[in-house]
Amino acid sequence: MITIIAALTEKTRIIGVQGRIPWTLGVDMEHFKKTTTGGAVIFGRKTFEGIGRPLPNRLNLVVTKNAESKESHNQNLIYTDSIENAILQAKNRGFENIFICGGEQIYRYTLEKKLADKMILSMVQESIISDKDKKIADAFFPAYDENRWKRICTKNEEGFSINEYLYTNS
């Protein structure tokens, strides 16, 4: 299954401010870790560089235009030139759970090309981030056809909710 996983503000859809996540929600980070551990995670180059290292206990695939010039000596880190190639490489290595982890361009492309079966969206309350960060936010989760995504589960936490959706053709 290919799953988009993201944390974004409820109304403004902010996912990043100058290369960082503009909130600290330990419960959400634990949820991300628990959900993605053992799977394959796909990042765009900027998002991966923002993290600064491969995530442990996962296959890390980084989509970059310069994949040919990137070399990794870490067996859990692969550079690739497209999302489709990243998905193929994960499947060829036997991964059934593949997570699309951002950033904005990666999410947009995945939604436009209908590559994902599922979304897990942590909807962060607007009040969690500062007005300054709201003004300088530069990465946003793209709009998607809400008629095509059926919400199957919501779990409320302090400051945010975790929502799961399945893609539907109806």
C-alpha atoms as a PDB file:
ATOM      1  CA  MET A   1       0.000   0.000   0.000  1.00  0.00           C
ATOM      2  CA  ILE A   2       1.216   3.489  -0.827  1.00  0.00           C
ATOM      3  CA  THR A   3       0.334   5.976   1.890  1.00  0.00           C
ATOM      4  CA  ILE A   4       0.755   9.736   2.011  1.00  0.00           C
ATOM      5  CA  ILE A   5       1.652  10.735   5.566  1.00  0.00           C
ATOM      6  CA  ALA A   6       1.745  14.399   6.560  1.00  0.00           C
ATOM      7  CA  ALA A   7       1.162  16.880   9.353  1.00  0.00           C
ATOM      8  CA  LEU A   8      -0.471  20.160   8.343  1.00  0.00           C
ATOM      9  CA  THR A   9      -2.422  23.002   9.870  1.00  0.00           C
ATOM     10  CA  GLU A  10      -6.198  22.590   9.634  1.00  0.00           C
ATOM     11  CA  LYS A  11      -7.124  25.726   7.699  1.00  0.00           C
ATOM     12  CA  THR A  12      -3.984  27.093   6.057  1.00  0.00           C
ATOM     13  CA  ARG A  13      -2.429  23.667   5.235  1.00  0.00           C
ATOM     14  CA  ILE A  14       1.051  24.759   6.365  1.00  0.00           C
ATOM     15  CA  ILE A  15       3.620  21.939   6.417  1.00  0.00           C
ATOM     16  CA  GLY A  16       6.840  23.929   6.615  1.00  0.00           C
ATOM     17  CA  VAL A  17       8.525  27.208   7.428  1.00  0.00           C
ATOM     18  CA  GLN A  18      12.007  27.808   6.032  1.00  0.00           C
ATOM     19  CA  GLY A  19      12.924  24.131   5.967  1.00  0.00           C
ATOM     20  CA  ARG A  20      11.503  23.200   9.365  1.00  0.00           C
ATOM     21  CA  ILE A  21       8.264  21.980  10.883  1.00  0.00           C
ATOM     22  CA  PRO A  22       6.800  24.952  12.795  1.00  0.00           C
ATOM     23  CA  TRP A  23       5.555  22.960  15.805  1.00  0.00           C
ATOM     24  CA  THR A  24       6.701  20.289  18.202  1.00  0.00           C
ATOM     25  CA  LEU A  25       4.185  17.545  18.851  1.00  0.00           C
ATOM     26  CA  GLY A  26       5.881  14.549  20.441  1.00  0.00           C
ATOM     27  CA  VAL A  27       2.786  12.357  20.164  1.00  0.00           C
ATOM     28  CA  ASP A  28       2.624  12.997  16.417  1.00  0.00           C
ATOM     29  CA  MET A  29       6.331  12.259  15.974  1.00  0.00           C
ATOM     30  CA  GLU A  30       5.866   8.973  17.867  1.00  0.00           C
ATOM     31  CA  HIS A  31       2.859   8.168  15.651  1.00  0.00           C
ATOM     32  CA  PHE A  32       4.952   8.829  12.522  1.00  0.00           C
ATOM     33  CA  LYS A  33       7.793   6.652  13.825  1.00  0.00           C
ATOM     34  CA  LYS A  34       5.488   3.781  14.834  1.00  0.00           C
ATOM     35  CA  THR A  35       3.553   3.941  11.547  1.00  0.00           C
ATOM     36  CA  THR A  36       6.551   4.072   9.190  1.00  0.00           C
ATOM     37  CA  THR A  37       9.046   1.796  10.981  1.00  0.00           C
ATOM     38  CA  GLY A  38       9.700  -1.296   8.918  1.00  0.00           C
ATOM     39  CA  GLY A  39       8.446   0.345   5.739  1.00  0.00           C
ATOM     40  CA  ALA A  40       9.914   2.419   2.935  1.00  0.00           C
ATOM     41  CA  VAL A  41       9.811   6.219   3.231  1.00  0.00           C
ATOM     42  CA  ILE A  42      10.033   8.527   0.219  1.00  0.00           C
ATOM     43  CA  PHE A  43      11.197  12.131   0.582  1.00  0.00           C
ATOM     44  CA  GLY A  44      12.054  14.961  -1.716  1.00  0.00           C
ATOM     45  CA  ARG A  45      15.661  16.174  -1.454  1.00  0.00           C
ATOM     46  CA  LYS A  46      14.849  19.309   0.561  1.00  0.00           C
ATOM     47  CA  THR A  47      12.766  17.398   3.086  1.00  0.00           C
ATOM     48  CA  PHE A  48      15.478  14.771   3.465  1.00  0.00           C
ATOM     49  CA  GLU A  49      18.151  17.432   3.949  1.00  0.00           C
ATOM     50  CA  GLY A  50      15.922  19.069   6.585  1.00  0.00           C
ATOM     51  CA  ILE A  51      15.866  15.782   8.506  1.00  0.00           C
ATOM     52  CA  GLY A  52      19.622  15.512   8.091  1.00  0.00           C
ATOM     53  CA  ARG A  53      19.998  11.733   8.135  1.00  0.00           C
ATOM     54  CA  PRO A  54      18.304   8.523   7.015  1.00  0.00           C
ATOM     55  CA  LEU A  55      15.549   7.402   9.372  1.00  0.00           C
ATOM     56  CA  PRO A  56      16.492   4.161  11.135  1.00  0.00           C
ATOM     57  CA  ASN A  57      14.668   0.877  10.581  1.00  0.00           C
ATOM     58  CA  ARG A  58      13.228   2.046   7.254  1.00  0.00           C
ATOM     59  CA  LEU A  59      14.313   2.094   3.620  1.00  0.00           C
ATOM     60  CA  ASN A  60      14.877   5.796   2.831  1.00  0.00           C
ATOM     61  CA  LEU A  61      14.367   6.841  -0.797  1.00  0.00           C
ATOM     62  CA  VAL A  62      15.237  10.400  -1.790  1.00  0.00           C
ATOM     63  CA  VAL A  63      13.838  11.851  -5.003  1.00  0.00           C
ATOM     64  CA  THR A  64      16.250  14.318  -6.595  1.00  0.00           C
ATOM     65  CA  LYS A  65      17.006  15.617 -10.082  1.00  0.00           C
ATOM     66  CA  ASN A  66      20.681  14.805  -9.457  1.00  0.00           C
ATOM     67  CA  ALA A  67      20.221  11.164  -8.438  1.00  0.00           C
ATOM     68  CA  GLU A  68      23.039  10.018 -10.733  1.00  0.00           C
ATOM     69  CA  SER A  69      25.573  12.196  -8.935  1.00  0.00           C
ATOM     70  CA  LYS A  70      24.489  11.070  -5.448  1.00  0.00           C
ATOM     71  CA  GLU A  71      26.087   8.016  -3.951  1.00  0.00           C
ATOM     72  CA  SER A  72      25.123   6.373  -0.702  1.00  0.00           C
ATOM     73  CA  HIS A  73      27.214   3.986   1.345  1.00  0.00           C
ATOM     74  CA  ASN A  74      24.207   3.308   3.566  1.00  0.00           C
ATOM     75  CA  GLN A  75      22.188   0.301   2.410  1.00  0.00           C
ATOM     76  CA  ASN A  76      19.018   1.920   3.792  1.00  0.00           C
ATOM     77  CA  LEU A  77      19.430   5.078   1.663  1.00  0.00           C
ATOM     78  CA  ILE A  78      18.750   5.243  -2.066  1.00  0.00           C
ATOM     79  CA  TYR A  79      18.716   8.301  -4.331  1.00  0.00           C
ATOM     80  CA  THR A  80      16.326   8.145  -7.270  1.00  0.00           C
ATOM     81  CA  ASP A  81      15.132  10.465 -10.042  1.00  0.00           C
ATOM     82  CA  SER A  82      11.342  10.006  -9.720  1.00  0.00           C
ATOM     83  CA  ILE A  83       8.601   9.008  -7.319  1.00  0.00           C
ATOM     84  CA  GLU A  84       7.597   6.153  -9.607  1.00  0.00           C
ATOM     85  CA  ASN A  85      11.167   4.832  -9.577  1.00  0.00           C
ATOM     86  CA  ALA A  86      11.307   5.137  -5.779  1.00  0.00           C
ATOM     87  CA  ILE A  87       8.072   3.139  -5.471  1.00  0.00           C
ATOM     88  CA  LEU A  88       9.382   0.501  -7.888  1.00  0.00           C
ATOM     89  CA  GLN A  89      12.666   0.169  -5.987  1.00  0.00           C
ATOM     90  CA  ALA A  90      10.817  -0.223  -2.681  1.00  0.00           C
ATOM     91  CA  LYS A  91       8.508  -2.882  -4.148  1.00  0.00           C
ATOM     92  CA  ASN A  92      11.464  -4.706  -5.746  1.00  0.00           C
ATOM     93  CA  ARG A  93      13.037  -4.909  -2.273  1.00  0.00           C
ATOM     94  CA  GLY A  94       9.877  -6.497  -0.905  1.00  0.00           C
ATOM     95  CA  PHE A  95       8.358  -3.508   0.900  1.00  0.00           C
ATOM     96  CA  GLU A  96       4.570  -3.613   1.061  1.00  0.00           C
ATOM     97  CA  ASN A  97       4.182  -0.437   3.127  1.00  0.00           C
ATOM     98  CA  ILE A  98       5.474   2.600   1.259  1.00  0.00           C
ATOM     99  CA  PHE A  99       5.067   6.082   2.722  1.00  0.00           C
ATOM    100  CA  ILE A 100       5.187   9.381   0.838  1.00  0.00           C
ATOM    101  CA  CYS A 101       6.651  11.805   3.398  1.00  0.00           C
ATOM    102  CA  GLY A 102       6.953  15.125   1.601  1.00  0.00           C
ATOM    103  CA  GLY A 103       7.625  17.837   0.807  1.00  0.00           C
ATOM    104  CA  GLU A 104       5.103  19.932  -1.011  1.00  0.00           C
ATOM    105  CA  GLN A 105       6.147  19.008  -4.572  1.00  0.00           C
ATOM    106  CA  ILE A 106       6.270  15.297  -3.744  1.00  0.00           C
ATOM    107  CA  TYR A 107       2.800  15.417  -2.184  1.00  0.00           C
ATOM    108  CA  ARG A 108       1.397  17.402  -5.128  1.00  0.00           C
ATOM    109  CA  TYR A 109       2.801  15.042  -7.740  1.00  0.00           C
ATOM    110  CA  THR A 110       1.620  11.953  -5.845  1.00  0.00           C
ATOM    111  CA  LEU A 111      -1.920  13.343  -5.592  1.00  0.00           C
ATOM    112  CA  GLU A 112      -2.044  14.539  -9.206  1.00  0.00           C
ATOM    113  CA  LYS A 113      -0.859  11.182 -10.549  1.00  0.00           C
ATOM    114  CA  LYS A 114      -3.127   9.243  -8.160  1.00  0.00           C
ATOM    115  CA  LEU A 115      -0.226   7.129  -6.903  1.00  0.00           C
ATOM    116  CA  ALA A 116      -1.445   6.714  -3.310  1.00  0.00           C
ATOM    117  CA  ASP A 117      -4.079   4.365  -1.895  1.00  0.00           C
ATOM    118  CA  LYS A 118      -4.259   5.955   1.538  1.00  0.00           C
ATOM    119  CA  MET A 119      -3.553   9.197   3.402  1.00  0.00           C
ATOM    120  CA  ILE A 120      -2.748   9.709   7.063  1.00  0.00           C
ATOM    121  CA  LEU A 121      -3.064  13.414   7.836  1.00  0.00           C
ATOM    122  CA  SER A 122      -2.318  14.915  11.223  1.00  0.00           C
ATOM    123  CA  MET A 123      -4.441  18.052  11.287  1.00  0.00           C
ATOM    124  CA  VAL A 124      -2.705  20.548  13.588  1.00  0.00           C
ATOM    125  CA  GLN A 125      -4.721  23.297  15.264  1.00  0.00           C
ATOM    126  CA  GLU A 126      -3.845  26.728  13.874  1.00  0.00           C
ATOM    127  CA  SER A 127      -3.200  28.046  17.398  1.00  0.00           C
ATOM    128  CA  ILE A 128      -0.201  25.706  17.751  1.00  0.00           C
ATOM    129  CA  ILE A 129       1.998  27.856  15.492  1.00  0.00           C
ATOM    130  CA  SER A 130       2.999  31.475  15.940  1.00  0.00           C
ATOM    131  CA  ASP A 131       1.628  34.337  13.859  1.00  0.00           C
ATOM    132  CA  LYS A 132       5.190  35.012  12.669  1.00  0.00           C
ATOM    133  CA  ASP A 133       5.525  31.457  11.335  1.00  0.00           C
ATOM    134  CA  LYS A 134       2.112  31.741   9.659  1.00  0.00           C
ATOM    135  CA  LYS A 135       3.310  34.849   7.811  1.00  0.00           C
ATOM    136  CA  ILE A 136       6.552  33.304   6.560  1.00  0.00           C
ATOM    137  CA  ALA A 137       5.278  29.771   5.888  1.00  0.00           C
ATOM    138  CA  ASP A 138       6.611  28.564   2.546  1.00  0.00           C
ATOM    139  CA  ALA A 139       5.469  24.949   2.229  1.00  0.00           C
ATOM    140  CA  PHE A 140       1.837  23.861   2.066  1.00  0.00           C
ATOM    141  CA  PHE A 141      -0.021  20.590   1.650  1.00  0.00           C
ATOM    142  CA  PRO A 142      -1.755  20.694  -1.740  1.00  0.00           C
ATOM    143  CA  ALA A 143      -5.499  20.669  -2.248  1.00  0.00           C
ATOM    144  CA  TYR A 144      -6.976  17.308  -3.121  1.00  0.00           C
ATOM    145  CA  ASP A 145     -10.336  16.057  -4.364  1.00  0.00           C
ATOM    146  CA  GLU A 146     -12.155  15.434  -1.090  1.00  0.00           C
ATOM    147  CA  ASN A 147     -14.841  13.464  -2.945  1.00  0.00           C
ATOM    148  CA  ARG A 148     -12.209  10.870  -3.867  1.00  0.00           C
ATOM    149  CA  TRP A 149     -10.862  10.409  -0.322  1.00  0.00           C
ATOM    150  CA  LYS A 150     -13.125   8.679   2.223  1.00  0.00           C
ATOM    151  CA  ARG A 151     -12.244   9.319   5.865  1.00  0.00           C
ATOM    152  CA  ILE A 152     -12.173   5.984   7.671  1.00  0.00           C
ATOM    153  CA  CYS A 153     -10.791   6.961  11.059  1.00  0.00           C
ATOM    154  CA  THR A 154     -10.157  10.003  13.269  1.00  0.00           C
ATOM    155  CA  LYS A 155      -8.192  10.014  16.502  1.00  0.00           C
ATOM    156  CA  ASN A 156      -8.190  13.228  18.529  1.00  0.00           C
ATOM    157  CA  GLU A 157      -5.046  14.224  20.402  1.00  0.00           C
ATOM    158  CA  GLU A 158      -4.091  17.375  22.277  1.00  0.00           C
ATOM    159  CA  GLY A 159      -3.558  20.085  19.648  1.00  0.00           C
ATOM    160  CA  PHE A 160      -4.228  17.915  16.607  1.00  0.00           C
ATOM    161  CA  SER A 161      -6.146  14.974  15.170  1.00  0.00           C
ATOM    162  CA  ILE A 162      -4.940  12.009  13.135  1.00  0.00           C
ATOM    163  CA  ASN A 163      -7.201  11.296  10.154  1.00  0.00           C
ATOM    164  CA  GLU A 164      -6.987   8.301   7.850  1.00  0.00           C
ATOM    165  CA  TYR A 165      -8.457   8.319   4.342  1.00  0.00           C
ATOM    166  CA  LEU A 166      -8.766   5.725   1.588  1.00  0.00           C
ATOM    167  CA  TYR A 167      -8.799   6.614  -2.092  1.00  0.00           C
ATOM    168  CA  THR A 168     -12.051   5.762  -3.845  1.00  0.00           C
ATOM    169  CA  ASN A 169     -13.021   5.893  -7.518  1.00  0.00           C
ATOM    170  CA  SER A 170     -16.656   6.734  -6.737  1.00  0.00           C
END
